[in-house]
């Protein structure tokens, strides 16, 4: 691409975590989490447009002007002049789908293209990861969303610093029910809760690496849901209903939501709220 384009657009898949363990560091690019999660075809489409008439960048989220602090952090790091940032999200907000990470990562990709910054994929994504860690909205979504698929986070840190692998999976349907938002910041800031979560998450990762399969991921996520103590009563009831119908299910981390695969899982979830179905996304963040 030669010079500065008038618009640039990026797509980033959503990401749901099955289990995790947080690793806090003073340097945001060294902080992160280990664990495993799925990228889904629901996502964020971010468009950067020139705006010579404005003096400060304006960010729109689903058509409404927004503070969007995580994406704004990325803008302040990468933009050479004020622009319009328009992000359309097709995933639920505040429910563990990595919405803030998707918006920030799409912003980084699109700004890199718009201003011809010459950053690699990891270089652009590292800025988005730094933004997430700084605002405590996530620790491992960005590095997974940068890759796509079923992502195992082996070593914490930003893309280019952290280490991941992928478990090969087909593009399969995933159903889910969302009850409401859950504050990622509050959970990550509670040291007592996180001590239990981290112990369960590290154990789950160790077990997954012995047999890295999709089914084992789901089973270990289910076990983590119980051991971490994060699940609400309704979530545990929904998971049990899916299992009784022959499917596999777990809580989405960190959100008051449950996902399911196989059997009559989608039908079983219907008793707990509005059921939505999407598919696993094999592609990570990319320019449209």
C-alpha atoms as a PDB file:
ATOM      1  CA  UNK A   1       0.000   0.000   0.000  1.00  0.00           C
ATOM      2  CA  UNK A   2       1.455   3.349  -1.010  1.00  0.00           C
ATOM      3  CA  UNK A   3       1.058   6.404   1.188  1.00  0.00           C
ATOM      4  CA  UNK A   4      -1.933   7.215   3.348  1.00  0.00           C
ATOM      5  CA  UNK A   5      -5.328   5.849   2.368  1.00  0.00           C
ATOM      6  CA  UNK A   6      -8.560   7.767   3.037  1.00  0.00           C
ATOM      7  CA  UNK A   7     -10.115   4.794   4.808  1.00  0.00           C
ATOM      8  CA  UNK A   8      -8.884   1.554   6.321  1.00  0.00           C
ATOM      9  CA  UNK A   9     -10.915  -1.293   7.761  1.00  0.00           C
ATOM     10  CA  UNK A  10     -10.119  -4.300   9.934  1.00  0.00           C
ATOM     11  CA  UNK A  11     -12.051  -7.283  11.279  1.00  0.00           C
ATOM     12  CA  UNK A  12     -11.341  -9.030  14.592  1.00  0.00           C
ATOM     13  CA  UNK A  13     -13.146 -12.158  15.821  1.00  0.00           C
ATOM     14  CA  UNK A  14     -14.658 -12.410  19.277  1.00  0.00           C
ATOM     15  CA  UNK A  15     -12.943 -14.672  21.815  1.00  0.00           C
ATOM     16  CA  UNK A  16     -14.374 -16.711  24.673  1.00  0.00           C
ATOM     17  CA  UNK A  17     -12.080 -18.149  27.330  1.00  0.00           C
ATOM     18  CA  UNK A  18     -12.734 -21.568  28.811  1.00  0.00           C
ATOM     19  CA  UNK A  19     -10.097 -21.362  31.541  1.00  0.00           C
ATOM     20  CA  UNK A  20      -7.231 -19.066  32.461  1.00  0.00           C
ATOM     21  CA  UNK A  21      -4.630 -18.041  35.015  1.00  0.00           C
ATOM     22  CA  UNK A  22      -3.607 -14.389  35.279  1.00  0.00           C
ATOM     23  CA  UNK A  23       0.004 -13.232  35.313  1.00  0.00           C
ATOM     24  CA  UNK A  24       0.413  -9.673  36.567  1.00  0.00           C
ATOM     25  CA  UNK A  25       3.519  -7.656  35.719  1.00  0.00           C
ATOM     26  CA  UNK A  26       4.351  -3.967  36.057  1.00  0.00           C
ATOM     27  CA  UNK A  27       5.231  -3.857  32.357  1.00  0.00           C
ATOM     28  CA  UNK A  28       1.932  -4.286  30.414  1.00  0.00           C
ATOM     29  CA  UNK A  29       3.558  -6.146  27.521  1.00  0.00           C
ATOM     30  CA  UNK A  30       4.891  -8.789  29.908  1.00  0.00           C
ATOM     31  CA  UNK A  31       1.553  -9.169  31.714  1.00  0.00           C
ATOM     32  CA  UNK A  32      -1.161 -11.459  30.438  1.00  0.00           C
ATOM     33  CA  UNK A  33      -2.664 -14.863  31.053  1.00  0.00           C
ATOM     34  CA  UNK A  34      -2.247 -18.513  30.196  1.00  0.00           C
ATOM     35  CA  UNK A  35      -5.185 -20.730  29.347  1.00  0.00           C
ATOM     36  CA  UNK A  36      -7.327 -21.674  26.375  1.00  0.00           C
ATOM     37  CA  UNK A  37     -10.210 -20.176  24.429  1.00  0.00           C
ATOM     38  CA  UNK A  38     -12.142 -20.107  21.177  1.00  0.00           C
ATOM     39  CA  UNK A  39     -12.330 -17.380  18.558  1.00  0.00           C
ATOM     40  CA  UNK A  40     -15.827 -16.984  17.121  1.00  0.00           C
ATOM     41  CA  UNK A  41     -17.148 -15.529  13.886  1.00  0.00           C
ATOM     42  CA  UNK A  42     -19.004 -12.813  15.787  1.00  0.00           C
ATOM     43  CA  UNK A  43     -16.627  -9.896  15.789  1.00  0.00           C
ATOM     44  CA  UNK A  44     -15.724  -6.256  15.492  1.00  0.00           C
ATOM     45  CA  UNK A  45     -15.362  -4.323  12.250  1.00  0.00           C
ATOM     46  CA  UNK A  46     -13.407  -1.108  12.729  1.00  0.00           C
ATOM     47  CA  UNK A  47     -13.138   1.595  10.072  1.00  0.00           C
ATOM     48  CA  UNK A  48     -10.759   4.561  10.156  1.00  0.00           C
ATOM     49  CA  UNK A  49     -11.858   7.591   8.146  1.00  0.00           C
ATOM     50  CA  UNK A  50     -10.187  10.922   7.507  1.00  0.00           C
ATOM     51  CA  UNK A  51     -11.801  13.873   9.290  1.00  0.00           C
ATOM     52  CA  UNK A  52      -9.997  17.129   8.445  1.00  0.00           C
ATOM     53  CA  UNK A  53     -12.756  19.170  10.097  1.00  0.00           C
ATOM     54  CA  UNK A  54     -12.225  17.778  13.642  1.00  0.00           C
ATOM     55  CA  UNK A  55      -9.505  18.600  16.179  1.00  0.00           C
ATOM     56  CA  UNK A  56      -9.809  15.445  18.299  1.00  0.00           C
ATOM     57  CA  UNK A  57     -10.408  11.847  17.289  1.00  0.00           C
ATOM     58  CA  UNK A  58     -14.023  10.734  17.640  1.00  0.00           C
ATOM     59  CA  UNK A  59     -14.846   7.094  18.323  1.00  0.00           C
ATOM     60  CA  UNK A  60     -18.250   5.624  17.468  1.00  0.00           C
ATOM     61  CA  UNK A  61     -19.393   2.281  18.856  1.00  0.00           C
ATOM     62  CA  UNK A  62     -22.352   0.751  17.036  1.00  0.00           C
ATOM     63  CA  UNK A  63     -23.212   4.216  15.728  1.00  0.00           C
ATOM     64  CA  UNK A  64     -23.067   6.044  19.071  1.00  0.00           C
ATOM     65  CA  UNK A  65     -20.293   8.406  20.148  1.00  0.00           C
ATOM     66  CA  UNK A  66     -18.284   6.626  22.854  1.00  0.00           C
ATOM     67  CA  UNK A  67     -15.420   7.304  25.234  1.00  0.00           C
ATOM     68  CA  UNK A  68     -14.044   3.819  24.377  1.00  0.00           C
ATOM     69  CA  UNK A  69     -10.954   4.267  26.591  1.00  0.00           C
ATOM     70  CA  UNK A  70      -9.237   1.077  25.442  1.00  0.00           C
ATOM     71  CA  UNK A  71      -9.508   1.948  21.743  1.00  0.00           C
ATOM     72  CA  UNK A  72      -8.653   5.586  22.478  1.00  0.00           C
ATOM     73  CA  UNK A  73      -5.424   4.452  24.125  1.00  0.00           C
ATOM     74  CA  UNK A  74      -4.493   2.764  20.832  1.00  0.00           C
ATOM     75  CA  UNK A  75      -5.395   5.895  18.862  1.00  0.00           C
ATOM     76  CA  UNK A  76      -3.233   8.074  21.085  1.00  0.00           C
ATOM     77  CA  UNK A  77      -0.299   5.703  20.580  1.00  0.00           C
ATOM     78  CA  UNK A  78      -0.597   5.260  16.807  1.00  0.00           C
ATOM     79  CA  UNK A  79      -2.590   8.040  15.107  1.00  0.00           C
ATOM     80  CA  UNK A  80      -0.630  10.888  13.524  1.00  0.00           C
ATOM     81  CA  UNK A  81      -3.668  13.167  13.303  1.00  0.00           C
ATOM     82  CA  UNK A  82      -7.339  13.170  14.381  1.00  0.00           C
ATOM     83  CA  UNK A  83      -9.513  10.592  12.628  1.00  0.00           C
ATOM     84  CA  UNK A  84     -12.982   9.103  12.843  1.00  0.00           C
ATOM     85  CA  UNK A  85     -13.035   5.591  14.332  1.00  0.00           C
ATOM     86  CA  UNK A  86     -16.195   3.590  13.695  1.00  0.00           C
ATOM     87  CA  UNK A  87     -16.505   0.156  15.302  1.00  0.00           C
ATOM     88  CA  UNK A  88     -19.449  -2.152  14.745  1.00  0.00           C
ATOM     89  CA  UNK A  89     -19.684  -5.034  17.236  1.00  0.00           C
ATOM     90  CA  UNK A  90     -21.726  -8.148  16.499  1.00  0.00           C
ATOM     91  CA  UNK A  91     -20.954  -9.789  19.861  1.00  0.00           C
ATOM     92  CA  UNK A  92     -22.517  -9.123  23.291  1.00  0.00           C
ATOM     93  CA  UNK A  93     -20.848  -6.445  25.404  1.00  0.00           C
ATOM     94  CA  UNK A  94     -19.441  -7.178  28.858  1.00  0.00           C
ATOM     95  CA  UNK A  95     -20.213 -10.891  28.572  1.00  0.00           C
ATOM     96  CA  UNK A  96     -16.759 -12.394  28.059  1.00  0.00           C
ATOM     97  CA  UNK A  97     -16.576 -12.179  24.256  1.00  0.00           C
ATOM     98  CA  UNK A  98     -13.498  -9.928  24.191  1.00  0.00           C
ATOM     99  CA  UNK A  99     -15.345  -6.893  22.819  1.00  0.00           C
ATOM    100  CA  UNK A 100     -12.886  -4.311  24.154  1.00  0.00           C
ATOM    101  CA  UNK A 101      -9.933  -6.323  22.883  1.00  0.00           C
ATOM    102  CA  UNK A 102     -11.559  -6.730  19.466  1.00  0.00           C
ATOM    103  CA  UNK A 103     -12.214  -3.006  19.197  1.00  0.00           C
ATOM    104  CA  UNK A 104      -8.689  -2.094  20.255  1.00  0.00           C
ATOM    105  CA  UNK A 105      -7.053  -4.679  17.999  1.00  0.00           C
ATOM    106  CA  UNK A 106      -9.147  -3.669  14.995  1.00  0.00           C
ATOM    107  CA  UNK A 107      -8.232  -0.061  15.707  1.00  0.00           C
ATOM    108  CA  UNK A 108      -4.523  -0.931  15.779  1.00  0.00           C
ATOM    109  CA  UNK A 109      -4.695  -2.867  12.497  1.00  0.00           C
ATOM    110  CA  UNK A 110      -6.707  -0.171  10.732  1.00  0.00           C
ATOM    111  CA  UNK A 111      -4.514   2.699  11.988  1.00  0.00           C
ATOM    112  CA  UNK A 112      -1.402   0.792  10.929  1.00  0.00           C
ATOM    113  CA  UNK A 113      -2.820   0.576   7.424  1.00  0.00           C
ATOM    114  CA  UNK A 114      -4.273   4.092   7.304  1.00  0.00           C
ATOM    115  CA  UNK A 115      -1.059   5.818   8.372  1.00  0.00           C
ATOM    116  CA  UNK A 116       1.239   3.288   6.677  1.00  0.00           C
ATOM    117  CA  UNK A 117       3.072   2.777   9.983  1.00  0.00           C
ATOM    118  CA  UNK A 118       4.887  -0.370   8.911  1.00  0.00           C
ATOM    119  CA  UNK A 119       4.039  -2.402  12.005  1.00  0.00           C
ATOM    120  CA  UNK A 120       3.883  -6.194  11.843  1.00  0.00           C
ATOM    121  CA  UNK A 121       0.727  -7.973  13.008  1.00  0.00           C
ATOM    122  CA  UNK A 122       2.337  -8.631  16.388  1.00  0.00           C
ATOM    123  CA  UNK A 123       3.607  -5.055  16.580  1.00  0.00           C
ATOM    124  CA  UNK A 124       0.142  -3.590  16.061  1.00  0.00           C
ATOM    125  CA  UNK A 125      -1.506  -6.156  18.350  1.00  0.00           C
ATOM    126  CA  UNK A 126       0.975  -5.463  21.148  1.00  0.00           C
ATOM    127  CA  UNK A 127      -0.380  -1.911  21.421  1.00  0.00           C
ATOM    128  CA  UNK A 128      -3.929  -3.244  21.774  1.00  0.00           C
ATOM    129  CA  UNK A 129      -2.782  -5.743  24.417  1.00  0.00           C
ATOM    130  CA  UNK A 130      -1.071  -2.939  26.330  1.00  0.00           C
ATOM    131  CA  UNK A 131      -4.321  -0.958  26.270  1.00  0.00           C
ATOM    132  CA  UNK A 132      -6.344  -3.908  27.616  1.00  0.00           C
ATOM    133  CA  UNK A 133      -3.904  -4.591  30.441  1.00  0.00           C
ATOM    134  CA  UNK A 134      -3.689  -0.907  31.357  1.00  0.00           C
ATOM    135  CA  UNK A 135      -7.475  -0.594  31.705  1.00  0.00           C
ATOM    136  CA  UNK A 136      -7.909  -4.084  33.221  1.00  0.00           C
ATOM    137  CA  UNK A 137     -10.480  -5.111  30.639  1.00  0.00           C
ATOM    138  CA  UNK A 138      -8.645  -8.288  29.635  1.00  0.00           C
ATOM    139  CA  UNK A 139      -5.381 -10.189  29.732  1.00  0.00           C
ATOM    140  CA  UNK A 140      -5.435 -12.811  26.996  1.00  0.00           C
ATOM    141  CA  UNK A 141      -8.072 -11.895  24.416  1.00  0.00           C
ATOM    142  CA  UNK A 142      -5.867  -9.867  22.069  1.00  0.00           C
ATOM    143  CA  UNK A 143      -3.145 -12.486  21.596  1.00  0.00           C
ATOM    144  CA  UNK A 144      -5.832 -15.090  20.814  1.00  0.00           C
ATOM    145  CA  UNK A 145      -7.849 -12.802  18.539  1.00  0.00           C
ATOM    146  CA  UNK A 146      -4.677 -12.054  16.611  1.00  0.00           C
ATOM    147  CA  UNK A 147      -4.421 -15.757  15.717  1.00  0.00           C
ATOM    148  CA  UNK A 148      -7.934 -17.200  15.410  1.00  0.00           C
ATOM    149  CA  UNK A 149      -9.187 -20.741  16.069  1.00  0.00           C
ATOM    150  CA  UNK A 150      -8.847 -22.666  19.327  1.00  0.00           C
ATOM    151  CA  UNK A 151      -5.900 -20.908  20.957  1.00  0.00           C
ATOM    152  CA  UNK A 152      -3.769 -22.229  23.807  1.00  0.00           C
ATOM    153  CA  UNK A 153      -1.970 -19.443  25.657  1.00  0.00           C
ATOM    154  CA  UNK A 154       1.255 -21.037  26.845  1.00  0.00           C
ATOM    155  CA  UNK A 155       3.194 -18.028  28.080  1.00  0.00           C
ATOM    156  CA  UNK A 156       1.772 -14.674  29.191  1.00  0.00           C
ATOM    157  CA  UNK A 157       2.454 -11.411  27.423  1.00  0.00           C
ATOM    158  CA  UNK A 158       1.582  -9.340  24.401  1.00  0.00           C
ATOM    159  CA  UNK A 159       1.724 -10.759  20.870  1.00  0.00           C
ATOM    160  CA  UNK A 160       5.402 -11.136  20.041  1.00  0.00           C
ATOM    161  CA  UNK A 161       6.225 -11.653  23.726  1.00  0.00           C
ATOM    162  CA  UNK A 162       3.692 -14.197  24.922  1.00  0.00           C
ATOM    163  CA  UNK A 163       3.626 -17.678  23.401  1.00  0.00           C
ATOM    164  CA  UNK A 164       0.610 -19.482  21.959  1.00  0.00           C
ATOM    165  CA  UNK A 165      -0.270 -22.627  20.035  1.00  0.00           C
ATOM    166  CA  UNK A 166      -3.464 -23.712  18.312  1.00  0.00           C
ATOM    167  CA  UNK A 167      -5.484 -26.900  18.528  1.00  0.00           C
ATOM    168  CA  UNK A 168      -6.748 -27.704  15.011  1.00  0.00           C
ATOM    169  CA  UNK A 169     -10.549 -27.743  14.918  1.00  0.00           C
ATOM    170  CA  UNK A 170     -13.152 -27.583  12.142  1.00  0.00           C
ATOM    171  CA  UNK A 171     -15.485 -24.602  11.818  1.00  0.00           C
ATOM    172  CA  UNK A 172     -18.141 -25.948  14.170  1.00  0.00           C
ATOM    173  CA  UNK A 173     -21.291 -24.338  15.630  1.00  0.00           C
ATOM    174  CA  UNK A 174     -21.192 -22.940  19.167  1.00  0.00           C
ATOM    175  CA  UNK A 175     -24.393 -21.947  20.990  1.00  0.00           C
ATOM    176  CA  UNK A 176     -24.588 -19.542  23.903  1.00  0.00           C
ATOM    177  CA  UNK A 177     -26.904 -17.756  26.326  1.00  0.00           C
ATOM    178  CA  UNK A 178     -26.040 -14.449  27.990  1.00  0.00           C
ATOM    179  CA  UNK A 179     -27.627 -13.419  31.286  1.00  0.00           C
ATOM    180  CA  UNK A 180     -25.827 -10.147  31.731  1.00  0.00           C
ATOM    181  CA  UNK A 181     -22.486  -8.399  32.040  1.00  0.00           C
ATOM    182  CA  UNK A 182     -19.790  -9.356  34.537  1.00  0.00           C
ATOM    183  CA  UNK A 183     -17.094  -6.852  35.462  1.00  0.00           C
ATOM    184  CA  UNK A 184     -13.751  -8.221  34.305  1.00  0.00           C
ATOM    185  CA  UNK A 185     -11.989  -5.425  36.168  1.00  0.00           C
ATOM    186  CA  UNK A 186     -13.636  -6.313  39.480  1.00  0.00           C
ATOM    187  CA  UNK A 187     -12.807 -10.012  39.219  1.00  0.00           C
ATOM    188  CA  UNK A 188      -9.198  -9.426  38.130  1.00  0.00           C
ATOM    189  CA  UNK A 189      -8.723  -6.957  40.986  1.00  0.00           C
ATOM    190  CA  UNK A 190      -9.932  -9.344  43.719  1.00  0.00           C
ATOM    191  CA  UNK A 191      -6.765 -11.045  44.999  1.00  0.00           C
ATOM    192  CA  UNK A 192      -8.574 -13.723  47.001  1.00  0.00           C
ATOM    193  CA  UNK A 193     -10.753 -14.744  44.047  1.00  0.00           C
ATOM    194  CA  UNK A 194      -7.818 -14.687  41.654  1.00  0.00           C
ATOM    195  CA  UNK A 195      -5.717 -16.963  43.889  1.00  0.00           C
ATOM    196  CA  UNK A 196      -8.365 -19.686  43.485  1.00  0.00           C
ATOM    197  CA  UNK A 197      -8.834 -18.947  39.790  1.00  0.00           C
ATOM    198  CA  UNK A 198      -5.113 -19.118  39.034  1.00  0.00           C
ATOM    199  CA  UNK A 199      -4.654 -22.428  40.832  1.00  0.00           C
ATOM    200  CA  UNK A 200      -7.511 -23.990  38.850  1.00  0.00           C
ATOM    201  CA  UNK A 201      -6.370 -22.403  35.575  1.00  0.00           C
ATOM    202  CA  UNK A 202      -2.770 -23.594  35.807  1.00  0.00           C
ATOM    203  CA  UNK A 203      -3.972 -27.128  36.584  1.00  0.00           C
ATOM    204  CA  UNK A 204      -6.351 -27.095  33.605  1.00  0.00           C
ATOM    205  CA  UNK A 205      -3.621 -25.960  31.223  1.00  0.00           C
ATOM    206  CA  UNK A 206      -1.299 -28.706  32.429  1.00  0.00           C
ATOM    207  CA  UNK A 207      -4.013 -31.304  31.781  1.00  0.00           C
ATOM    208  CA  UNK A 208      -4.878 -29.882  28.355  1.00  0.00           C
ATOM    209  CA  UNK A 209      -1.284 -30.139  27.170  1.00  0.00           C
ATOM    210  CA  UNK A 210      -1.313 -33.860  27.966  1.00  0.00           C
ATOM    211  CA  UNK A 211      -4.180 -34.275  25.474  1.00  0.00           C
ATOM    212  CA  UNK A 212      -4.762 -31.119  23.395  1.00  0.00           C
ATOM    213  CA  UNK A 213      -8.174 -31.826  21.862  1.00  0.00           C
ATOM    214  CA  UNK A 214     -11.377 -29.840  21.487  1.00  0.00           C
ATOM    215  CA  UNK A 215     -13.299 -32.265  23.714  1.00  0.00           C
ATOM    216  CA  UNK A 216     -10.680 -32.096  26.450  1.00  0.00           C
ATOM    217  CA  UNK A 217     -10.762 -28.287  26.251  1.00  0.00           C
ATOM    218  CA  UNK A 218     -14.526 -28.341  26.862  1.00  0.00           C
ATOM    219  CA  UNK A 219     -14.273 -30.844  29.711  1.00  0.00           C
ATOM    220  CA  UNK A 220     -11.469 -28.928  31.417  1.00  0.00           C
ATOM    221  CA  UNK A 221     -13.358 -25.649  30.980  1.00  0.00           C
ATOM    222  CA  UNK A 222     -16.342 -27.250  32.699  1.00  0.00           C
ATOM    223  CA  UNK A 223     -14.132 -28.386  35.588  1.00  0.00           C
ATOM    224  CA  UNK A 224     -12.549 -24.933  35.847  1.00  0.00           C
ATOM    225  CA  UNK A 225     -15.999 -23.341  36.020  1.00  0.00           C
ATOM    226  CA  UNK A 226     -16.688 -25.265  39.235  1.00  0.00           C
ATOM    227  CA  UNK A 227     -13.201 -25.088  40.772  1.00  0.00           C
ATOM    228  CA  UNK A 228     -12.775 -21.347  40.155  1.00  0.00           C
ATOM    229  CA  UNK A 229     -15.978 -20.519  42.046  1.00  0.00           C
ATOM    230  CA  UNK A 230     -16.944 -17.965  39.392  1.00  0.00           C
ATOM    231  CA  UNK A 231     -20.140 -19.576  38.142  1.00  0.00           C
ATOM    232  CA  UNK A 232     -23.589 -18.377  39.188  1.00  0.00           C
ATOM    233  CA  UNK A 233     -26.317 -20.876  40.139  1.00  0.00           C
ATOM    234  CA  UNK A 234     -28.152 -20.390  36.841  1.00  0.00           C
ATOM    235  CA  UNK A 235     -24.950 -21.049  34.868  1.00  0.00           C
ATOM    236  CA  UNK A 236     -24.334 -24.338  36.674  1.00  0.00           C
ATOM    237  CA  UNK A 237     -27.948 -25.375  36.080  1.00  0.00           C
ATOM    238  CA  UNK A 238     -27.643 -24.520  32.367  1.00  0.00           C
ATOM    239  CA  UNK A 239     -24.416 -26.511  32.057  1.00  0.00           C
ATOM    240  CA  UNK A 240     -26.044 -29.537  33.703  1.00  0.00           C
ATOM    241  CA  UNK A 241     -29.054 -29.268  31.383  1.00  0.00           C
ATOM    242  CA  UNK A 242     -26.794 -29.283  28.318  1.00  0.00           C
ATOM    243  CA  UNK A 243     -24.906 -32.306  29.616  1.00  0.00           C
ATOM    244  CA  UNK A 244     -28.181 -34.145  30.266  1.00  0.00           C
ATOM    245  CA  UNK A 245     -29.047 -33.491  26.598  1.00  0.00           C
ATOM    246  CA  UNK A 246     -25.785 -35.074  25.438  1.00  0.00           C
ATOM    247  CA  UNK A 247     -23.765 -31.908  24.893  1.00  0.00           C
ATOM    248  CA  UNK A 248     -20.726 -30.274  26.458  1.00  0.00           C
ATOM    249  CA  UNK A 249     -20.965 -26.874  28.130  1.00  0.00           C
ATOM    250  CA  UNK A 250     -19.122 -24.349  30.266  1.00  0.00           C
ATOM    251  CA  UNK A 251     -19.202 -20.775  31.500  1.00  0.00           C
ATOM    252  CA  UNK A 252     -17.666 -18.027  29.372  1.00  0.00           C
ATOM    253  CA  UNK A 253     -14.776 -16.366  31.238  1.00  0.00           C
ATOM    254  CA  UNK A 254     -15.322 -13.639  32.298  1.00  0.00           C
ATOM    255  CA  UNK A 255     -19.013 -13.167  31.619  1.00  0.00           C
ATOM    256  CA  UNK A 256     -22.370 -14.187  33.029  1.00  0.00           C
ATOM    257  CA  UNK A 257     -22.859 -16.445  30.026  1.00  0.00           C
ATOM    258  CA  UNK A 258     -22.729 -20.123  29.064  1.00  0.00           C
ATOM    259  CA  UNK A 259     -21.642 -21.771  25.812  1.00  0.00           C
ATOM    260  CA  UNK A 260     -22.443 -25.246  24.534  1.00  0.00           C
ATOM    261  CA  UNK A 261     -21.513 -27.703  21.818  1.00  0.00           C
ATOM    262  CA  UNK A 262     -22.979 -30.963  20.572  1.00  0.00           C
ATOM    263  CA  UNK A 263     -25.987 -33.147  21.350  1.00  0.00           C
ATOM    264  CA  UNK A 264     -29.188 -31.222  21.934  1.00  0.00           C
ATOM    265  CA  UNK A 265     -27.242 -28.549  23.809  1.00  0.00           C
ATOM    266  CA  UNK A 266     -28.812 -25.578  22.021  1.00  0.00           C
ATOM    267  CA  UNK A 267     -32.316 -26.842  22.774  1.00  0.00           C
ATOM    268  CA  UNK A 268     -31.375 -27.421  26.420  1.00  0.00           C
ATOM    269  CA  UNK A 269     -30.083 -23.851  26.741  1.00  0.00           C
ATOM    270  CA  UNK A 270     -33.445 -22.477  25.597  1.00  0.00           C
ATOM    271  CA  UNK A 271     -34.796 -22.907  29.101  1.00  0.00           C
ATOM    272  CA  UNK A 272     -32.265 -20.365  30.392  1.00  0.00           C
ATOM    273  CA  UNK A 273     -32.626 -17.479  27.967  1.00  0.00           C
ATOM    274  CA  UNK A 274     -32.404 -16.502  24.321  1.00  0.00           C
ATOM    275  CA  UNK A 275     -30.104 -18.910  22.500  1.00  0.00           C
ATOM    276  CA  UNK A 276     -27.705 -17.656  19.842  1.00  0.00           C
ATOM    277  CA  UNK A 277     -25.536 -19.782  17.594  1.00  0.00           C
ATOM    278  CA  UNK A 278     -22.321 -18.810  15.849  1.00  0.00           C
ATOM    279  CA  UNK A 279     -19.292 -20.709  14.531  1.00  0.00           C
ATOM    280  CA  UNK A 280     -15.626 -21.063  15.392  1.00  0.00           C
ATOM    281  CA  UNK A 281     -13.558 -18.486  13.489  1.00  0.00           C
ATOM    282  CA  UNK A 282     -10.433 -19.890  11.886  1.00  0.00           C
ATOM    283  CA  UNK A 283      -9.180 -16.445  10.933  1.00  0.00           C
ATOM    284  CA  UNK A 284      -7.680 -14.003  13.335  1.00  0.00           C
ATOM    285  CA  UNK A 285      -7.483 -10.228  13.026  1.00  0.00           C
ATOM    286  CA  UNK A 286      -7.105  -9.038   9.448  1.00  0.00           C
ATOM    287  CA  UNK A 287      -7.629  -6.111   7.126  1.00  0.00           C
ATOM    288  CA  UNK A 288     -10.857  -6.135   5.125  1.00  0.00           C
END
